[in-house]
Each structure stands twice: as C-alpha cells, then as structure tokens.
Amino acid sequence: MQTCNNNSHDGVWPKRSLSRPLKIASVCCLGLATLGCSQGYQMAKVSGLVTLDGKPLASVRVVFEPLRSSNGQTREVRGPLSSGRTDEQGRFVLEAVDGQQGAVVGPNCVRFSTRTMDADFSDSMPKFITVRKESLPARYNLQSDILFEVPEGGADEANFALKSK
C-alpha cells in the first residue's frame, strides 16, 4: 500500500510561499528545463472543500504532490506539484506550478498549510519573512500520509475533513 513519506520528499515540499516574481522565475526555469521533453503525465481538474472539525477552513494552502511507486519502496515525483488556497467557504481549485489547471492523474500526497511567507528583495540576498505561522498539526503538512487518487475525468469533490485533535 502506498503512503506519503516525508523522507522521500525532503527537497520537494515547498517550505515557504514565495513572492510572485520568484514564482514566475521558477516556472520559467522549469519550462526551459523541460523544453523538448515529453510530458509523461496527464492532468485533470481538481477542486474541493477543506474543513477543520466540521467548519470550513479559510486561507489554507492545499498541495497535491504526484507520486509514482518504485516496487513499494521509495517514490519519486512524476509531474508538477499543484496547489490552491481555500476561500472563506473552505473551497479550493488546484493549479500546477507550470500553470496547467488541476493535478496529475493518479496517486497524490496531499498536504495542507496555513503558514505563509514573503520575500524581501531589497538587498542582494532575499530575506524570507513569516507572515503567518503554521497552525495545523504536522500530520497535515510535512508529515502528511493523506493520499488522493486523481481520476482521469477530474474531481470536483476532493473534500478533506481535518481534525484538530
């Protein structure tokens, strides 16, 4: 049975939310690095609802990390990460880091985070500033074992009922 394992994704899970210019630069570099390569994965639209103790959870980053099994041992990412932020009703819509709508079809490790950071580019070395600290338990972000299977037809009810205890 496949589960999420933090140890195999240390360099993949984004530990901070980057400013828009840095995101754009990252997407451009990713695009240039993959120019001429076949995609090797299929995308499908994904949206849903996140609740905490039965109440809609606003302003939470939802990240889908596509996985590929390697004989039941370690896994590797097999496509772009997708993310979205919940609105006041706890609803989210995913978009991949390369701008495509949705998430990679197949198994995805799902992570949730309330932590937000910004970058200050006024000096030659950017400084990251915490805007909001993490308020969710680690079992929902860096230590997440939550899997979601994205179907080929997409999913408009990718709903997650989180518990504070």
N, C-alpha and C. Protein backbone atom coordinates (compact mmCIF):
# COMPACT_ATOMS: atom_id res chain seq x y z
N MET A 1 0.83 -1.19 0.00
CA MET A 1 0.00 0.00 0.00
C MET A 1 0.88 1.25 0.00
N GLN A 2 0.55 2.16 -0.88
CA GLN A 2 1.35 3.37 -1.00
C GLN A 2 0.90 4.41 0.01
N THR A 3 1.85 5.03 0.68
CA THR A 3 1.56 6.13 1.60
C THR A 3 2.53 7.26 1.32
N CYS A 4 2.24 8.40 1.86
CA CYS A 4 3.16 9.53 1.76
C CYS A 4 4.28 9.29 2.76
N ASN A 5 5.49 9.68 2.40
CA ASN A 5 6.62 9.50 3.29
C ASN A 5 7.47 10.75 3.18
N ASN A 6 7.54 11.51 4.24
CA ASN A 6 8.29 12.76 4.24
C ASN A 6 9.75 12.56 3.85
N ASN A 7 10.36 11.45 4.20
CA ASN A 7 11.79 11.25 3.93
C ASN A 7 12.11 11.24 2.45
N SER A 8 11.18 10.77 1.60
CA SER A 8 11.47 10.70 0.18
C SER A 8 11.16 12.00 -0.54
N HIS A 9 10.68 13.03 0.19
CA HIS A 9 10.29 14.26 -0.47
C HIS A 9 10.89 15.49 0.19
N ASP A 10 11.99 15.35 0.90
CA ASP A 10 12.57 16.48 1.63
C ASP A 10 12.84 17.67 0.72
N GLY A 11 13.31 17.45 -0.49
CA GLY A 11 13.63 18.55 -1.37
C GLY A 11 12.47 19.00 -2.23
N VAL A 12 11.30 18.39 -2.09
CA VAL A 12 10.19 18.69 -2.97
C VAL A 12 9.13 19.55 -2.30
N TRP A 13 8.78 19.27 -1.06
CA TRP A 13 7.71 20.00 -0.39
C TRP A 13 8.16 21.43 -0.15
N PRO A 14 7.43 22.39 -0.72
CA PRO A 14 7.81 23.79 -0.51
C PRO A 14 7.60 24.19 0.93
N LYS A 15 8.64 24.69 1.57
CA LYS A 15 8.56 25.05 2.98
C LYS A 15 8.11 26.49 3.17
N ARG A 16 7.97 27.25 2.06
CA ARG A 16 7.50 28.61 2.19
C ARG A 16 6.78 29.02 0.91
N SER A 17 5.90 29.96 1.06
CA SER A 17 5.20 30.53 -0.08
C SER A 17 6.04 31.68 -0.62
N LEU A 18 6.43 31.59 -1.87
CA LEU A 18 7.33 32.58 -2.44
C LEU A 18 6.54 33.74 -3.04
N SER A 19 7.19 34.86 -3.18
CA SER A 19 6.54 36.01 -3.79
C SER A 19 6.30 35.74 -5.27
N ARG A 20 5.41 36.50 -5.86
CA ARG A 20 5.03 36.31 -7.27
C ARG A 20 6.23 36.36 -8.22
N PRO A 21 7.15 37.34 -8.12
CA PRO A 21 8.28 37.36 -9.07
C PRO A 21 9.14 36.10 -9.00
N LEU A 22 9.34 35.58 -7.79
CA LEU A 22 10.16 34.38 -7.64
C LEU A 22 9.43 33.17 -8.22
N LYS A 23 8.10 33.11 -8.05
CA LYS A 23 7.31 32.03 -8.64
C LYS A 23 7.41 32.06 -10.15
N ILE A 24 7.28 33.25 -10.73
CA ILE A 24 7.34 33.38 -12.19
C ILE A 24 8.70 32.93 -12.70
N ALA A 25 9.77 33.35 -12.03
CA ALA A 25 11.12 32.94 -12.44
C ALA A 25 11.27 31.42 -12.34
N SER A 26 10.72 30.81 -11.29
CA SER A 26 10.81 29.36 -11.12
C SER A 26 10.09 28.63 -12.23
N VAL A 27 8.89 29.12 -12.59
CA VAL A 27 8.12 28.48 -13.66
C VAL A 27 8.86 28.61 -14.99
N CYS A 28 9.47 29.77 -15.24
CA CYS A 28 10.23 29.96 -16.49
C CYS A 28 11.40 28.99 -16.56
N CYS A 29 12.13 28.83 -15.46
CA CYS A 29 13.26 27.90 -15.43
C CYS A 29 12.78 26.47 -15.64
N LEU A 30 11.66 26.11 -15.01
CA LEU A 30 11.10 24.78 -15.18
C LEU A 30 10.72 24.55 -16.63
N GLY A 31 10.12 25.57 -17.25
CA GLY A 31 9.72 25.45 -18.66
C GLY A 31 10.92 25.26 -19.57
N LEU A 32 11.99 26.01 -19.34
CA LEU A 32 13.20 25.87 -20.15
C LEU A 32 13.87 24.52 -19.94
N ALA A 33 13.84 24.04 -18.71
CA ALA A 33 14.47 22.75 -18.41
C ALA A 33 13.75 21.59 -19.07
N THR A 34 12.43 21.74 -19.26
CA THR A 34 11.67 20.63 -19.83
C THR A 34 11.37 20.82 -21.31
N LEU A 35 11.89 21.88 -21.93
CA LEU A 35 11.65 22.15 -23.34
C LEU A 35 12.15 20.98 -24.18
N GLY A 36 11.26 20.47 -25.01
CA GLY A 36 11.64 19.36 -25.88
C GLY A 36 11.41 18.01 -25.25
N CYS A 37 11.03 17.94 -23.99
CA CYS A 37 10.78 16.66 -23.33
C CYS A 37 9.30 16.34 -23.41
N SER A 38 8.96 15.06 -23.50
CA SER A 38 7.55 14.69 -23.48
C SER A 38 7.04 14.84 -22.06
N GLN A 39 5.74 15.16 -21.94
CA GLN A 39 5.17 15.45 -20.64
C GLN A 39 5.17 14.23 -19.74
N GLY A 40 4.74 13.05 -20.21
CA GLY A 40 4.81 11.84 -19.40
C GLY A 40 3.78 11.72 -18.30
N TYR A 41 2.82 12.63 -18.23
CA TYR A 41 1.77 12.57 -17.23
C TYR A 41 0.53 13.26 -17.80
N GLN A 42 -0.62 12.98 -17.19
CA GLN A 42 -1.88 13.56 -17.62
C GLN A 42 -2.45 14.41 -16.49
N MET A 43 -3.01 15.56 -16.83
CA MET A 43 -3.61 16.46 -15.85
C MET A 43 -5.13 16.32 -15.89
N ALA A 44 -5.78 16.58 -14.73
CA ALA A 44 -7.23 16.63 -14.64
C ALA A 44 -7.61 17.70 -13.63
N LYS A 45 -8.72 18.37 -13.87
CA LYS A 45 -9.17 19.44 -12.97
C LYS A 45 -9.57 18.86 -11.62
N VAL A 46 -9.18 19.57 -10.56
CA VAL A 46 -9.48 19.14 -9.19
C VAL A 46 -9.92 20.35 -8.37
N SER A 47 -11.03 20.18 -7.66
CA SER A 47 -11.49 21.19 -6.72
C SER A 47 -12.14 20.47 -5.55
N GLY A 48 -12.32 21.17 -4.45
CA GLY A 48 -12.93 20.52 -3.30
C GLY A 48 -13.10 21.46 -2.13
N LEU A 49 -13.26 20.85 -0.97
CA LEU A 49 -13.57 21.57 0.26
C LEU A 49 -12.68 21.05 1.39
N VAL A 50 -12.17 21.96 2.20
CA VAL A 50 -11.38 21.59 3.38
C VAL A 50 -12.11 22.11 4.61
N THR A 51 -12.33 21.21 5.57
CA THR A 51 -12.94 21.60 6.84
C THR A 51 -12.03 21.20 7.99
N LEU A 52 -12.16 21.90 9.09
CA LEU A 52 -11.45 21.55 10.32
C LEU A 52 -12.50 21.44 11.41
N ASP A 53 -12.62 20.26 11.98
CA ASP A 53 -13.64 19.99 13.00
C ASP A 53 -15.03 20.36 12.51
N GLY A 54 -15.30 20.08 11.23
CA GLY A 54 -16.62 20.29 10.65
C GLY A 54 -16.89 21.69 10.14
N LYS A 55 -15.95 22.63 10.31
CA LYS A 55 -16.15 24.01 9.86
C LYS A 55 -15.22 24.31 8.69
N PRO A 56 -15.69 25.09 7.68
CA PRO A 56 -14.84 25.44 6.54
C PRO A 56 -13.54 26.09 7.00
N LEU A 57 -12.44 25.71 6.37
CA LEU A 57 -11.13 26.22 6.73
C LEU A 57 -10.65 27.19 5.65
N ALA A 58 -10.58 28.48 5.99
CA ALA A 58 -10.20 29.52 5.04
C ALA A 58 -8.70 29.75 5.02
N SER A 59 -8.20 30.22 3.88
CA SER A 59 -6.80 30.63 3.69
C SER A 59 -5.79 29.53 3.98
N VAL A 60 -6.10 28.32 3.57
CA VAL A 60 -5.18 27.19 3.73
C VAL A 60 -4.65 26.80 2.36
N ARG A 61 -3.36 26.60 2.28
CA ARG A 61 -2.74 26.14 1.03
C ARG A 61 -2.90 24.63 0.95
N VAL A 62 -3.47 24.15 -0.15
CA VAL A 62 -3.66 22.73 -0.41
C VAL A 62 -2.68 22.35 -1.52
N VAL A 63 -1.82 21.35 -1.26
CA VAL A 63 -0.81 20.95 -2.23
C VAL A 63 -0.99 19.47 -2.57
N PHE A 64 -1.04 19.16 -3.86
CA PHE A 64 -1.07 17.78 -4.35
C PHE A 64 0.31 17.50 -4.94
N GLU A 65 0.96 16.47 -4.43
CA GLU A 65 2.29 16.05 -4.88
C GLU A 65 2.14 14.70 -5.56
N PRO A 66 2.24 14.65 -6.90
CA PRO A 66 2.03 13.37 -7.61
C PRO A 66 3.14 12.37 -7.29
N LEU A 67 2.74 11.10 -7.11
CA LEU A 67 3.67 10.05 -6.72
C LEU A 67 3.70 8.93 -7.74
N ARG A 68 4.82 8.25 -7.79
CA ARG A 68 4.97 7.04 -8.59
C ARG A 68 5.67 6.03 -7.69
N SER A 69 5.12 4.83 -7.62
CA SER A 69 5.74 3.82 -6.74
C SER A 69 6.93 3.18 -7.44
N SER A 70 7.87 2.76 -6.65
CA SER A 70 9.05 2.05 -7.14
C SER A 70 9.14 0.73 -6.38
N ASN A 71 8.38 -0.25 -6.82
CA ASN A 71 8.34 -1.57 -6.18
C ASN A 71 7.99 -1.48 -4.69
N GLY A 72 7.08 -0.58 -4.35
CA GLY A 72 6.62 -0.48 -2.97
C GLY A 72 7.60 0.15 -2.01
N GLN A 73 8.73 0.65 -2.51
CA GLN A 73 9.71 1.26 -1.61
C GLN A 73 9.63 2.77 -1.74
N THR A 74 10.71 3.41 -2.12
CA THR A 74 10.69 4.87 -2.23
C THR A 74 9.89 5.29 -3.46
N ARG A 75 9.42 6.52 -3.41
CA ARG A 75 8.67 7.06 -4.53
C ARG A 75 9.35 8.32 -5.02
N GLU A 76 8.98 8.70 -6.21
CA GLU A 76 9.51 9.93 -6.76
C GLU A 76 8.36 10.74 -7.34
N VAL A 77 8.54 12.02 -7.45
CA VAL A 77 7.54 12.87 -8.05
C VAL A 77 7.50 12.56 -9.54
N ARG A 78 6.29 12.50 -10.11
CA ARG A 78 6.16 12.15 -11.52
C ARG A 78 5.41 13.22 -12.30
N GLY A 79 5.51 14.43 -11.88
CA GLY A 79 4.87 15.55 -12.56
C GLY A 79 4.92 16.77 -11.66
N PRO A 80 4.33 17.88 -12.11
CA PRO A 80 4.41 19.12 -11.32
C PRO A 80 3.52 19.08 -10.09
N LEU A 81 3.95 19.77 -9.04
CA LEU A 81 3.10 19.98 -7.87
C LEU A 81 1.93 20.86 -8.29
N SER A 82 0.81 20.66 -7.64
CA SER A 82 -0.36 21.52 -7.85
C SER A 82 -0.79 22.07 -6.51
N SER A 83 -1.29 23.29 -6.52
CA SER A 83 -1.74 23.87 -5.25
C SER A 83 -2.89 24.84 -5.48
N GLY A 84 -3.55 25.15 -4.39
CA GLY A 84 -4.62 26.13 -4.39
C GLY A 84 -4.80 26.63 -2.98
N ARG A 85 -5.46 27.75 -2.82
CA ARG A 85 -5.71 28.30 -1.49
C ARG A 85 -7.22 28.32 -1.29
N THR A 86 -7.64 27.90 -0.08
CA THR A 86 -9.07 27.86 0.20
C THR A 86 -9.63 29.27 0.37
N ASP A 87 -10.90 29.43 -0.03
CA ASP A 87 -11.59 30.70 0.16
C ASP A 87 -12.28 30.69 1.53
N GLU A 88 -13.12 31.66 1.80
CA GLU A 88 -13.79 31.78 3.10
C GLU A 88 -14.71 30.59 3.38
N GLN A 89 -15.20 29.91 2.32
CA GLN A 89 -16.07 28.74 2.49
C GLN A 89 -15.28 27.43 2.52
N GLY A 90 -13.93 27.52 2.48
CA GLY A 90 -13.09 26.34 2.52
C GLY A 90 -12.91 25.67 1.16
N ARG A 91 -13.41 26.28 0.08
CA ARG A 91 -13.32 25.71 -1.27
C ARG A 91 -11.97 26.05 -1.91
N PHE A 92 -11.46 25.11 -2.72
CA PHE A 92 -10.20 25.34 -3.43
C PHE A 92 -10.29 24.79 -4.83
N VAL A 93 -9.44 25.32 -5.71
CA VAL A 93 -9.27 24.84 -7.08
C VAL A 93 -7.77 24.74 -7.29
N LEU A 94 -7.30 23.59 -7.82
CA LEU A 94 -5.86 23.39 -7.98
C LEU A 94 -5.34 23.90 -9.32
N GLU A 95 -4.10 24.39 -9.27
CA GLU A 95 -3.36 24.78 -10.46
C GLU A 95 -1.92 24.30 -10.27
N ALA A 96 -1.35 23.73 -11.34
CA ALA A 96 0.02 23.22 -11.27
C ALA A 96 1.01 24.38 -11.33
N VAL A 97 2.23 24.14 -10.86
CA VAL A 97 3.26 25.18 -10.86
C VAL A 97 3.61 25.65 -12.27
N ASP A 98 3.30 24.82 -13.28
CA ASP A 98 3.57 25.23 -14.66
C ASP A 98 2.38 25.93 -15.30
N GLY A 99 1.33 26.24 -14.50
CA GLY A 99 0.19 26.99 -15.00
C GLY A 99 -0.98 26.15 -15.47
N GLN A 100 -0.81 24.84 -15.60
CA GLN A 100 -1.92 23.99 -16.03
C GLN A 100 -2.96 23.90 -14.92
N GLN A 101 -4.23 23.79 -15.30
CA GLN A 101 -5.31 23.63 -14.34
C GLN A 101 -5.34 22.19 -13.83
N GLY A 102 -5.57 22.01 -12.54
CA GLY A 102 -5.75 20.68 -11.97
C GLY A 102 -4.49 20.09 -11.37
N ALA A 103 -4.49 18.74 -11.34
CA ALA A 103 -3.38 17.98 -10.75
C ALA A 103 -3.10 16.77 -11.64
N VAL A 104 -1.96 16.13 -11.39
CA VAL A 104 -1.56 14.95 -12.17
C VAL A 104 -2.49 13.79 -11.82
N VAL A 105 -2.98 13.09 -12.85
CA VAL A 105 -3.84 11.92 -12.67
C VAL A 105 -3.05 10.82 -11.98
N GLY A 106 -3.68 10.16 -11.01
CA GLY A 106 -3.04 9.09 -10.25
C GLY A 106 -2.90 9.47 -8.80
N PRO A 107 -2.07 8.73 -8.05
CA PRO A 107 -1.93 8.98 -6.61
C PRO A 107 -1.16 10.26 -6.32
N ASN A 108 -1.68 11.03 -5.39
CA ASN A 108 -1.05 12.28 -4.97
C ASN A 108 -1.02 12.33 -3.45
N CYS A 109 0.11 12.77 -2.90
CA CYS A 109 0.21 13.03 -1.48
C CYS A 109 -0.37 14.44 -1.28
N VAL A 110 -1.28 14.59 -0.32
CA VAL A 110 -1.95 15.87 -0.10
C VAL A 110 -1.43 16.49 1.20
N ARG A 111 -1.09 17.76 1.11
CA ARG A 111 -0.57 18.49 2.27
C ARG A 111 -1.34 19.79 2.42
N PHE A 112 -1.49 20.25 3.66
CA PHE A 112 -2.23 21.46 3.97
C PHE A 112 -1.35 22.35 4.84
N SER A 113 -1.40 23.66 4.59
CA SER A 113 -0.58 24.56 5.38
C SER A 113 -1.24 25.92 5.52
N THR A 114 -1.16 26.46 6.74
CA THR A 114 -1.63 27.82 6.99
C THR A 114 -0.46 28.80 6.98
N ARG A 115 0.75 28.28 6.96
CA ARG A 115 1.95 29.13 7.01
C ARG A 115 2.10 29.89 5.70
N THR A 116 2.36 31.16 5.80
CA THR A 116 2.66 31.96 4.62
C THR A 116 3.91 32.79 4.90
N MET A 117 4.70 32.93 3.86
CA MET A 117 5.93 33.72 3.95
C MET A 117 5.99 34.62 2.74
N ASP A 118 6.78 35.64 2.84
CA ASP A 118 7.02 36.54 1.73
C ASP A 118 8.52 36.77 1.65
N ALA A 119 8.97 37.29 0.55
CA ALA A 119 10.39 37.54 0.38
C ALA A 119 10.64 39.03 0.21
N ASP A 120 11.71 39.51 0.82
CA ASP A 120 12.14 40.89 0.69
C ASP A 120 13.36 40.89 -0.22
N PHE A 121 13.23 41.51 -1.40
CA PHE A 121 14.30 41.51 -2.39
C PHE A 121 15.06 42.85 -2.40
N SER A 122 14.94 43.65 -1.33
CA SER A 122 15.59 44.96 -1.31
C SER A 122 17.11 44.86 -1.24
N ASP A 123 17.65 43.78 -0.69
CA ASP A 123 19.09 43.57 -0.65
C ASP A 123 19.48 42.56 -1.72
N SER A 124 20.78 42.34 -1.87
CA SER A 124 21.25 41.38 -2.85
C SER A 124 20.88 39.94 -2.47
N MET A 125 20.68 39.69 -1.17
CA MET A 125 20.29 38.36 -0.70
C MET A 125 18.85 38.45 -0.18
N PRO A 126 17.89 37.73 -0.83
CA PRO A 126 16.50 37.81 -0.37
C PRO A 126 16.35 37.34 1.07
N LYS A 127 15.46 37.99 1.79
CA LYS A 127 15.14 37.60 3.16
C LYS A 127 13.70 37.12 3.18
N PHE A 128 13.47 35.97 3.81
CA PHE A 128 12.12 35.43 3.91
C PHE A 128 11.51 35.84 5.24
N ILE A 129 10.30 36.35 5.17
CA ILE A 129 9.61 36.89 6.33
C ILE A 129 8.34 36.08 6.56
N THR A 130 8.17 35.56 7.78
CA THR A 130 6.96 34.82 8.10
C THR A 130 5.81 35.80 8.28
N VAL A 131 4.76 35.60 7.48
CA VAL A 131 3.59 36.45 7.55
C VAL A 131 2.56 35.81 8.50
N ARG A 132 2.42 34.49 8.41
CA ARG A 132 1.51 33.75 9.28
C ARG A 132 2.13 32.40 9.61
N LYS A 133 2.14 32.05 10.90
CA LYS A 133 2.74 30.79 11.34
C LYS A 133 1.80 29.62 11.08
N GLU A 134 2.38 28.43 11.05
CA GLU A 134 1.61 27.20 10.86
C GLU A 134 0.73 26.93 12.07
N SER A 135 -0.56 26.70 11.82
CA SER A 135 -1.47 26.40 12.91
C SER A 135 -2.05 24.99 12.83
N LEU A 136 -1.76 24.28 11.74
CA LEU A 136 -2.24 22.91 11.60
C LEU A 136 -1.19 21.92 12.14
N PRO A 137 -1.64 20.78 12.65
CA PRO A 137 -0.70 19.76 13.11
C PRO A 137 0.19 19.26 11.96
N ALA A 138 1.41 18.85 12.27
CA ALA A 138 2.37 18.37 11.27
C ALA A 138 1.83 17.20 10.46
N ARG A 139 0.90 16.43 11.01
CA ARG A 139 0.34 15.27 10.28
C ARG A 139 -0.42 15.70 9.02
N TYR A 140 -0.71 17.00 8.90
CA TYR A 140 -1.41 17.50 7.72
C TYR A 140 -0.49 18.23 6.75
N ASN A 141 0.77 18.44 7.11
CA ASN A 141 1.68 19.11 6.19
C ASN A 141 2.95 18.31 5.98
N LEU A 142 4.03 18.62 6.65
CA LEU A 142 5.29 17.92 6.39
C LEU A 142 5.26 16.43 6.67
N GLN A 143 4.40 15.97 7.58
CA GLN A 143 4.31 14.54 7.91
C GLN A 143 3.05 13.90 7.34
N SER A 144 2.44 14.51 6.33
CA SER A 144 1.17 14.02 5.80
C SER A 144 1.29 12.62 5.21
N ASP A 145 0.29 11.79 5.51
CA ASP A 145 0.12 10.47 4.89
C ASP A 145 -1.19 10.42 4.13
N ILE A 146 -1.74 11.57 3.80
CA ILE A 146 -3.03 11.63 3.10
C ILE A 146 -2.80 11.44 1.61
N LEU A 147 -3.44 10.44 1.04
CA LEU A 147 -3.36 10.17 -0.39
C LEU A 147 -4.70 10.47 -1.04
N PHE A 148 -4.65 11.01 -2.25
CA PHE A 148 -5.85 11.21 -3.05
C PHE A 148 -5.56 10.73 -4.45
N GLU A 149 -6.41 9.88 -4.98
CA GLU A 149 -6.27 9.34 -6.34
C GLU A 149 -7.05 10.26 -7.28
N VAL A 150 -6.33 11.02 -8.12
CA VAL A 150 -6.98 11.90 -9.08
C VAL A 150 -7.42 11.05 -10.28
N PRO A 151 -8.74 11.00 -10.55
CA PRO A 151 -9.22 10.21 -11.69
C PRO A 151 -9.01 10.95 -13.01
N GLU A 152 -9.00 10.21 -14.12
CA GLU A 152 -8.80 10.82 -15.44
C GLU A 152 -9.82 11.90 -15.74
N GLY A 153 -11.03 11.73 -15.27
CA GLY A 153 -12.09 12.72 -15.52
C GLY A 153 -12.06 13.90 -14.57
N GLY A 154 -11.11 13.92 -13.65
CA GLY A 154 -11.01 15.01 -12.69
C GLY A 154 -11.88 14.76 -11.47
N ALA A 155 -11.87 15.68 -10.54
CA ALA A 155 -12.64 15.55 -9.30
C ALA A 155 -13.09 16.94 -8.85
N ASP A 156 -14.41 17.09 -8.65
CA ASP A 156 -14.91 18.36 -8.14
C ASP A 156 -15.35 18.24 -6.68
N GLU A 157 -15.11 17.08 -6.11
CA GLU A 157 -15.42 16.87 -4.69
C GLU A 157 -14.24 16.21 -3.98
N ALA A 158 -13.07 16.82 -4.13
CA ALA A 158 -11.88 16.37 -3.41
C ALA A 158 -11.97 17.03 -2.04
N ASN A 159 -12.77 16.42 -1.16
CA ASN A 159 -13.07 17.01 0.15
C ASN A 159 -12.24 16.37 1.24
N PHE A 160 -11.77 17.21 2.17
CA PHE A 160 -10.91 16.75 3.25
C PHE A 160 -11.43 17.28 4.58
N ALA A 161 -11.77 16.36 5.49
CA ALA A 161 -12.27 16.72 6.81
C ALA A 161 -11.13 16.54 7.82
N LEU A 162 -10.46 17.63 8.16
CA LEU A 162 -9.34 17.59 9.08
C LEU A 162 -9.85 17.71 10.52
N LYS A 163 -9.08 17.15 11.44
CA LYS A 163 -9.42 17.19 12.87
C LYS A 163 -8.29 17.89 13.62
N SER A 164 -8.63 18.76 14.56
CA SER A 164 -7.60 19.46 15.32
C SER A 164 -6.95 18.55 16.36
N LYS A 165 -7.64 17.51 16.79
CA LYS A 165 -7.08 16.59 17.79
C LYS A 165 -7.07 15.19 17.26
